[in-house]
Amino acid sequence: MQGIKAIKALVVFMGLLLVTGLAVLGWGLSNTAGKVGKPRPQVTVAGAEFATVNVPVPAGARVEQVLVAGERVVLRLTGGGAERLLVLDPADGKVAGSFVLVPEAPAGR
């Protein structure tokens, strides 16, 4: 008898966990569903206007990928020599820095 009571208690407990989990899932979905269609607020820099900025790119290179990392824009350039990452500061329209990816020599045996 003791074993059956323990199994019944375990089944009730697991049922409560299941119902609670479904309730939390439903609550989370209902909270995020209201935010899906809303536009994000526009971010503007006070007093700054959009202008054309010339970014130096090596001859023969092409932009392979563009990423936003915090307050910087990173361009991955391939071709025209070694692959490089060009870091731009959109606030002032200047190149903040670059990383040239140089292949490492194989380790000697």
N, C-alpha and C. Protein backbone atom coordinates (compact mmCIF):
# COMPACT_ATOMS: atom_id res chain seq x y z
N MET A 1 0.81 -1.19 0.00
CA MET A 1 0.00 0.00 0.00
C MET A 1 0.86 1.27 0.00
N GLN A 2 1.95 1.17 0.74
CA GLN A 2 2.83 2.33 0.84
C GLN A 2 3.37 2.71 -0.54
N GLY A 3 3.70 1.73 -1.37
CA GLY A 3 4.26 1.99 -2.70
C GLY A 3 3.25 2.65 -3.63
N ILE A 4 2.00 2.25 -3.53
CA ILE A 4 0.95 2.82 -4.39
C ILE A 4 0.69 4.27 -4.02
N LYS A 5 0.70 4.58 -2.71
CA LYS A 5 0.51 5.97 -2.28
C LYS A 5 1.64 6.86 -2.81
N ALA A 6 2.87 6.32 -2.78
CA ALA A 6 4.02 7.10 -3.27
C ALA A 6 3.89 7.34 -4.77
N ILE A 7 3.45 6.34 -5.52
CA ILE A 7 3.29 6.50 -6.97
C ILE A 7 2.19 7.51 -7.27
N LYS A 8 1.08 7.45 -6.52
CA LYS A 8 -0.01 8.41 -6.72
C LYS A 8 0.47 9.84 -6.44
N ALA A 9 1.22 10.00 -5.36
CA ALA A 9 1.74 11.33 -5.03
C ALA A 9 2.69 11.84 -6.12
N LEU A 10 3.52 10.94 -6.63
CA LEU A 10 4.45 11.30 -7.70
C LEU A 10 3.71 11.70 -8.97
N VAL A 11 2.65 10.98 -9.32
CA VAL A 11 1.85 11.30 -10.51
C VAL A 11 1.17 12.66 -10.35
N VAL A 12 0.63 12.93 -9.17
CA VAL A 12 -0.01 14.23 -8.92
C VAL A 12 1.01 15.35 -9.01
N PHE A 13 2.17 15.15 -8.41
CA PHE A 13 3.23 16.16 -8.45
C PHE A 13 3.68 16.43 -9.89
N MET A 14 3.89 15.39 -10.67
CA MET A 14 4.32 15.56 -12.07
C MET A 14 3.22 16.24 -12.89
N GLY A 15 1.96 15.93 -12.60
CA GLY A 15 0.85 16.60 -13.27
C GLY A 15 0.83 18.09 -12.97
N LEU A 16 1.07 18.44 -11.70
CA LEU A 16 1.14 19.85 -11.34
C LEU A 16 2.30 20.55 -12.03
N LEU A 17 3.44 19.88 -12.12
CA LEU A 17 4.58 20.46 -12.84
C LEU A 17 4.24 20.69 -14.30
N LEU A 18 3.57 19.76 -14.92
CA LEU A 18 3.18 19.88 -16.32
C LEU A 18 2.22 21.05 -16.53
N VAL A 19 1.21 21.16 -15.68
CA VAL A 19 0.25 22.26 -15.79
C VAL A 19 0.93 23.60 -15.55
N THR A 20 1.80 23.67 -14.56
CA THR A 20 2.53 24.91 -14.28
C THR A 20 3.42 25.30 -15.45
N GLY A 21 4.11 24.33 -16.02
CA GLY A 21 4.99 24.61 -17.16
C GLY A 21 4.21 25.12 -18.36
N LEU A 22 3.06 24.52 -18.63
CA LEU A 22 2.22 24.98 -19.74
C LEU A 22 1.68 26.38 -19.48
N ALA A 23 1.34 26.67 -18.24
CA ALA A 23 0.85 28.01 -17.90
C ALA A 23 1.95 29.05 -18.10
N VAL A 24 3.17 28.75 -17.68
CA VAL A 24 4.29 29.68 -17.86
C VAL A 24 4.59 29.85 -19.35
N LEU A 25 4.55 28.79 -20.12
CA LEU A 25 4.77 28.87 -21.56
C LEU A 25 3.70 29.74 -22.22
N GLY A 26 2.44 29.55 -21.86
CA GLY A 26 1.36 30.37 -22.41
C GLY A 26 1.52 31.84 -22.05
N TRP A 27 1.89 32.12 -20.80
CA TRP A 27 2.12 33.49 -20.37
C TRP A 27 3.25 34.13 -21.15
N GLY A 28 4.35 33.41 -21.35
CA GLY A 28 5.48 33.95 -22.10
C GLY A 28 5.12 34.22 -23.56
N LEU A 29 4.39 33.31 -24.17
CA LEU A 29 3.97 33.52 -25.56
C LEU A 29 3.03 34.71 -25.69
N SER A 30 2.12 34.88 -24.74
CA SER A 30 1.18 36.00 -24.82
C SER A 30 1.90 37.33 -24.61
N ASN A 31 2.93 37.36 -23.79
CA ASN A 31 3.69 38.60 -23.57
C ASN A 31 4.50 38.98 -24.80
N THR A 32 5.11 38.02 -25.47
CA THR A 32 5.94 38.35 -26.63
C THR A 32 5.10 38.55 -27.88
N ALA A 33 3.90 37.97 -27.95
CA ALA A 33 3.06 38.11 -29.14
C ALA A 33 2.64 39.56 -29.35
N GLY A 34 2.45 40.31 -28.31
CA GLY A 34 2.07 41.71 -28.43
C GLY A 34 3.19 42.60 -28.93
N LYS A 35 4.43 42.15 -28.80
CA LYS A 35 5.58 42.96 -29.18
C LYS A 35 6.08 42.68 -30.59
N VAL A 36 5.60 41.61 -31.21
CA VAL A 36 6.13 41.19 -32.51
C VAL A 36 5.84 42.21 -33.60
N GLY A 37 4.62 42.73 -33.67
CA GLY A 37 4.23 43.62 -34.76
C GLY A 37 4.60 45.08 -34.55
N LYS A 38 5.05 45.43 -33.37
CA LYS A 38 5.34 46.84 -33.07
C LYS A 38 6.69 47.24 -33.67
N PRO A 39 6.75 48.41 -34.31
CA PRO A 39 8.04 48.88 -34.85
C PRO A 39 8.97 49.31 -33.72
N ARG A 40 10.25 49.14 -33.95
CA ARG A 40 11.25 49.56 -32.97
C ARG A 40 11.44 51.07 -33.07
N PRO A 41 11.77 51.71 -31.96
CA PRO A 41 11.99 53.16 -32.02
C PRO A 41 13.23 53.49 -32.84
N GLN A 42 13.17 54.60 -33.56
CA GLN A 42 14.29 55.03 -34.38
C GLN A 42 15.34 55.66 -33.48
N VAL A 43 16.60 55.32 -33.73
CA VAL A 43 17.71 55.89 -32.99
C VAL A 43 18.37 56.94 -33.87
N THR A 44 18.45 58.15 -33.36
CA THR A 44 19.08 59.22 -34.13
C THR A 44 20.18 59.86 -33.30
N VAL A 45 21.18 60.37 -33.99
CA VAL A 45 22.27 61.10 -33.33
C VAL A 45 21.91 62.57 -33.39
N ALA A 46 21.89 63.23 -32.26
CA ALA A 46 21.48 64.62 -32.20
C ALA A 46 22.39 65.50 -33.04
N GLY A 47 21.80 66.26 -33.93
CA GLY A 47 22.56 67.23 -34.73
C GLY A 47 23.32 66.63 -35.89
N ALA A 48 23.29 65.32 -36.07
CA ALA A 48 24.05 64.70 -37.14
C ALA A 48 23.14 64.42 -38.33
N GLU A 49 23.64 64.64 -39.52
CA GLU A 49 22.90 64.34 -40.73
C GLU A 49 23.64 63.26 -41.48
N PHE A 50 22.90 62.49 -42.25
CA PHE A 50 23.51 61.44 -43.03
C PHE A 50 24.32 62.05 -44.16
N ALA A 51 25.51 61.54 -44.36
CA ALA A 51 26.38 62.04 -45.42
C ALA A 51 27.11 60.87 -46.06
N THR A 52 27.71 61.11 -47.20
CA THR A 52 28.50 60.09 -47.88
C THR A 52 29.86 60.00 -47.21
N VAL A 53 30.27 58.79 -46.88
CA VAL A 53 31.56 58.56 -46.23
C VAL A 53 32.35 57.61 -47.12
N ASN A 54 33.57 57.99 -47.47
CA ASN A 54 34.44 57.12 -48.25
C ASN A 54 35.22 56.21 -47.32
N VAL A 55 35.07 54.90 -47.50
CA VAL A 55 35.76 53.91 -46.68
C VAL A 55 36.84 53.27 -47.53
N PRO A 56 38.12 53.37 -47.10
CA PRO A 56 39.20 52.78 -47.90
C PRO A 56 39.15 51.26 -47.88
N VAL A 57 39.09 50.67 -49.08
CA VAL A 57 39.05 49.22 -49.24
C VAL A 57 40.18 48.84 -50.21
N PRO A 58 40.97 47.81 -49.89
CA PRO A 58 42.05 47.41 -50.79
C PRO A 58 41.52 47.06 -52.18
N ALA A 59 42.34 47.32 -53.19
CA ALA A 59 41.95 47.02 -54.58
C ALA A 59 41.67 45.53 -54.72
N GLY A 60 40.57 45.18 -55.35
CA GLY A 60 40.20 43.79 -55.57
C GLY A 60 39.44 43.16 -54.42
N ALA A 61 39.30 43.87 -53.31
CA ALA A 61 38.59 43.32 -52.15
C ALA A 61 37.09 43.54 -52.31
N ARG A 62 36.32 42.68 -51.67
CA ARG A 62 34.87 42.86 -51.68
C ARG A 62 34.33 42.63 -50.28
N VAL A 63 33.21 43.25 -50.00
CA VAL A 63 32.58 43.12 -48.69
C VAL A 63 31.86 41.78 -48.65
N GLU A 64 32.29 40.91 -47.77
CA GLU A 64 31.72 39.57 -47.66
C GLU A 64 30.60 39.53 -46.63
N GLN A 65 30.74 40.34 -45.56
CA GLN A 65 29.76 40.30 -44.47
C GLN A 65 29.76 41.64 -43.75
N VAL A 66 28.60 42.06 -43.27
CA VAL A 66 28.46 43.28 -42.47
C VAL A 66 27.81 42.89 -41.15
N LEU A 67 28.42 43.29 -40.04
CA LEU A 67 27.89 42.98 -38.71
C LEU A 67 27.80 44.26 -37.88
N VAL A 68 26.86 44.32 -36.97
CA VAL A 68 26.79 45.41 -36.01
C VAL A 68 27.21 44.84 -34.67
N ALA A 69 28.25 45.44 -34.09
CA ALA A 69 28.78 44.98 -32.81
C ALA A 69 28.77 46.16 -31.84
N GLY A 70 27.75 46.22 -31.00
CA GLY A 70 27.63 47.35 -30.08
C GLY A 70 27.38 48.63 -30.85
N GLU A 71 28.27 49.58 -30.70
CA GLU A 71 28.16 50.86 -31.41
C GLU A 71 29.10 50.92 -32.60
N ARG A 72 29.54 49.79 -33.09
CA ARG A 72 30.45 49.73 -34.24
C ARG A 72 29.84 48.89 -35.35
N VAL A 73 30.29 49.13 -36.58
CA VAL A 73 29.91 48.33 -37.73
C VAL A 73 31.18 47.63 -38.20
N VAL A 74 31.12 46.32 -38.38
CA VAL A 74 32.29 45.54 -38.79
C VAL A 74 32.04 45.01 -40.20
N LEU A 75 32.98 45.29 -41.11
CA LEU A 75 32.93 44.78 -42.47
C LEU A 75 33.97 43.68 -42.60
N ARG A 76 33.58 42.53 -43.13
CA ARG A 76 34.55 41.46 -43.40
C ARG A 76 34.88 41.53 -44.88
N LEU A 77 36.14 41.81 -45.18
CA LEU A 77 36.60 41.98 -46.55
C LEU A 77 37.41 40.77 -46.98
N THR A 78 37.13 40.25 -48.18
CA THR A 78 37.90 39.15 -48.74
C THR A 78 38.41 39.56 -50.11
N GLY A 79 39.42 38.87 -50.58
CA GLY A 79 40.04 39.18 -51.87
C GLY A 79 40.96 40.38 -51.72
N GLY A 80 41.78 40.62 -52.72
CA GLY A 80 42.69 41.76 -52.66
C GLY A 80 43.75 41.61 -51.58
N GLY A 81 44.20 40.41 -51.32
CA GLY A 81 45.21 40.18 -50.29
C GLY A 81 44.62 39.39 -49.13
N ALA A 82 45.16 39.62 -47.95
CA ALA A 82 44.71 38.89 -46.77
C ALA A 82 43.29 39.32 -46.38
N GLU A 83 42.56 38.39 -45.80
CA GLU A 83 41.23 38.71 -45.31
C GLU A 83 41.37 39.69 -44.15
N ARG A 84 40.44 40.64 -44.07
CA ARG A 84 40.53 41.63 -43.00
C ARG A 84 39.16 42.00 -42.47
N LEU A 85 39.15 42.50 -41.24
CA LEU A 85 37.95 43.02 -40.59
C LEU A 85 38.14 44.53 -40.44
N LEU A 86 37.24 45.29 -40.99
CA LEU A 86 37.32 46.75 -40.94
C LEU A 86 36.25 47.23 -39.96
N VAL A 87 36.65 47.94 -38.91
CA VAL A 87 35.74 48.40 -37.87
C VAL A 87 35.44 49.88 -38.10
N LEU A 88 34.14 50.20 -38.27
CA LEU A 88 33.72 51.56 -38.54
C LEU A 88 32.97 52.13 -37.35
N ASP A 89 33.13 53.43 -37.13
CA ASP A 89 32.36 54.13 -36.10
C ASP A 89 31.30 54.95 -36.81
N PRO A 90 30.03 54.50 -36.77
CA PRO A 90 29.00 55.21 -37.52
C PRO A 90 28.69 56.60 -36.96
N ALA A 91 29.05 56.87 -35.71
CA ALA A 91 28.75 58.17 -35.12
C ALA A 91 29.52 59.29 -35.82
N ASP A 92 30.80 59.03 -36.14
CA ASP A 92 31.58 60.07 -36.81
C ASP A 92 31.96 59.70 -38.24
N GLY A 93 31.57 58.50 -38.70
CA GLY A 93 31.80 58.11 -40.08
C GLY A 93 33.25 57.81 -40.40
N LYS A 94 34.03 57.39 -39.42
CA LYS A 94 35.45 57.11 -39.63
C LYS A 94 35.77 55.65 -39.36
N VAL A 95 36.90 55.23 -39.89
CA VAL A 95 37.39 53.88 -39.62
C VAL A 95 38.01 53.87 -38.23
N ALA A 96 37.45 53.05 -37.33
CA ALA A 96 37.97 52.98 -35.97
C ALA A 96 39.22 52.11 -35.91
N GLY A 97 39.34 51.14 -36.81
CA GLY A 97 40.51 50.26 -36.84
C GLY A 97 40.26 49.10 -37.79
N SER A 98 41.28 48.27 -37.95
CA SER A 98 41.13 47.10 -38.80
C SER A 98 41.98 45.97 -38.27
N PHE A 99 41.56 44.76 -38.59
CA PHE A 99 42.28 43.55 -38.24
C PHE A 99 42.64 42.84 -39.53
N VAL A 100 43.90 42.56 -39.74
CA VAL A 100 44.34 41.79 -40.90
C VAL A 100 44.55 40.36 -40.42
N LEU A 101 43.85 39.42 -41.05
CA LEU A 101 43.94 38.03 -40.65
C LEU A 101 45.04 37.35 -41.45
N VAL A 102 46.15 37.07 -40.78
CA VAL A 102 47.32 36.47 -41.42
C VAL A 102 47.39 35.01 -41.05
N PRO A 103 47.53 34.10 -42.05
CA PRO A 103 47.61 32.69 -41.72
C PRO A 103 48.87 32.38 -40.90
N GLU A 104 48.69 31.54 -39.93
CA GLU A 104 49.80 31.15 -39.06
C GLU A 104 50.60 30.03 -39.73
N ALA A 105 51.91 30.09 -39.62
CA ALA A 105 52.76 29.05 -40.19
C ALA A 105 52.52 27.74 -39.45
N PRO A 106 52.49 26.61 -40.18
CA PRO A 106 52.27 25.32 -39.49
C PRO A 106 53.40 25.03 -38.51
N ALA A 107 53.05 24.43 -37.40
CA ALA A 107 54.04 24.10 -36.36
C ALA A 107 54.95 22.98 -36.88
N GLY A 108 56.24 23.13 -36.60
CA GLY A 108 57.22 22.13 -37.01
C GLY A 108 57.07 20.85 -36.23
N ARG A 109 57.42 19.74 -36.88
CA ARG A 109 57.28 18.44 -36.20
C ARG A 109 58.57 18.00 -35.62
